[in-house]
Amino acid sequence: MARSRRRYLRTLILGLLAMAALVWGAVDSFDIPPERIWAMFLMTLSVVGLLVLAAALAAALWIGLRRLSTRD
């Protein structure tokens, strides 16, 4: 396995473990119910999905306007 690939995998695994530790800390230290964390996670995914959709729409509009303006 290439060195860059190992570094990438190590970074990915350490990042996932750090996020799991944060969730565990929230549940254990602050008594946040896991259902609430799942709800916040799903809300975050929804917002990210809407942002991606809005960006795709803006890019399509930008490309469409550029094609209309260069058409003679």
Protein backbone atom coordinates (compact mmCIF):
# COMPACT_ATOMS: atom_id res chain seq x y z
CA MET A 1 0.00 0.00 0.00
CA ALA A 2 1.34 3.42 -0.92
CA ARG A 3 2.40 5.80 1.81
CA SER A 4 -0.14 8.44 0.81
CA ARG A 5 -2.92 5.85 0.93
CA ARG A 6 -1.89 4.77 4.44
CA ARG A 7 -1.83 8.38 5.63
CA TYR A 8 -5.27 8.97 4.14
CA LEU A 9 -6.72 5.88 5.82
CA ARG A 10 -5.07 6.75 9.15
CA THR A 11 -6.49 10.27 9.02
CA LEU A 12 -9.94 8.96 8.11
CA ILE A 13 -9.97 6.41 10.93
CA LEU A 14 -8.67 8.89 13.51
CA GLY A 15 -11.29 11.43 12.44
CA LEU A 16 -14.10 8.90 12.76
CA LEU A 17 -12.86 7.83 16.18
CA ALA A 18 -12.69 11.47 17.30
CA MET A 19 -16.28 12.05 16.18
CA ALA A 20 -17.40 8.91 17.99
CA ALA A 21 -15.66 10.16 21.13
CA LEU A 22 -17.49 13.48 20.87
CA VAL A 23 -20.85 11.74 20.55
CA TRP A 24 -20.02 9.43 23.45
CA GLY A 25 -19.00 12.45 25.54
CA ALA A 26 -22.25 14.22 24.74
CA VAL A 27 -24.32 11.20 25.75
CA ASP A 28 -22.28 10.32 28.82
CA SER A 29 -21.33 13.72 30.26
CA PHE A 30 -24.31 15.86 29.32
CA ASP A 31 -27.05 13.19 29.37
CA ILE A 32 -28.19 13.94 25.85
CA PRO A 33 -30.47 11.11 24.68
CA PRO A 34 -29.17 9.18 21.65
CA GLU A 35 -32.49 9.80 19.89
CA ARG A 36 -31.81 13.53 20.06
CA ILE A 37 -28.34 13.04 18.58
CA TRP A 38 -29.82 10.96 15.73
CA ALA A 39 -32.40 13.67 15.10
CA MET A 40 -29.68 16.33 14.94
CA PHE A 41 -27.61 14.12 12.64
CA LEU A 42 -30.53 13.63 10.26
CA MET A 43 -31.28 17.36 10.35
CA THR A 44 -27.65 18.08 9.48
CA LEU A 45 -27.81 15.66 6.55
CA SER A 46 -30.99 17.37 5.37
CA VAL A 47 -29.42 20.82 5.50
CA VAL A 48 -26.30 19.62 3.67
CA GLY A 49 -28.50 18.00 1.03
CA LEU A 50 -30.45 21.22 0.56
CA LEU A 51 -27.22 23.20 0.25
CA VAL A 52 -25.92 20.81 -2.40
CA LEU A 53 -29.21 21.10 -4.26
CA ALA A 54 -29.12 24.90 -4.08
CA ALA A 55 -25.52 24.93 -5.33
CA ALA A 56 -26.42 22.62 -8.23
CA LEU A 57 -29.35 24.87 -9.13
CA ALA A 58 -27.15 27.98 -9.00
CA ALA A 59 -24.50 26.29 -11.17
CA ALA A 60 -27.12 25.21 -13.70
CA LEU A 61 -28.52 28.73 -13.81
CA TRP A 62 -25.03 30.18 -14.21
CA ILE A 63 -24.20 27.80 -17.07
CA GLY A 64 -27.55 28.45 -18.73
CA LEU A 65 -27.12 32.22 -18.55
CA ARG A 66 -23.59 31.97 -19.91
CA ARG A 67 -24.78 29.89 -22.87
CA LEU A 68 -27.60 32.34 -23.56
CA SER A 69 -25.27 35.33 -23.43
CA THR A 70 -22.69 33.83 -25.81
CA ARG A 71 -25.29 32.67 -28.33
CA ASP A 72 -25.45 34.96 -31.37
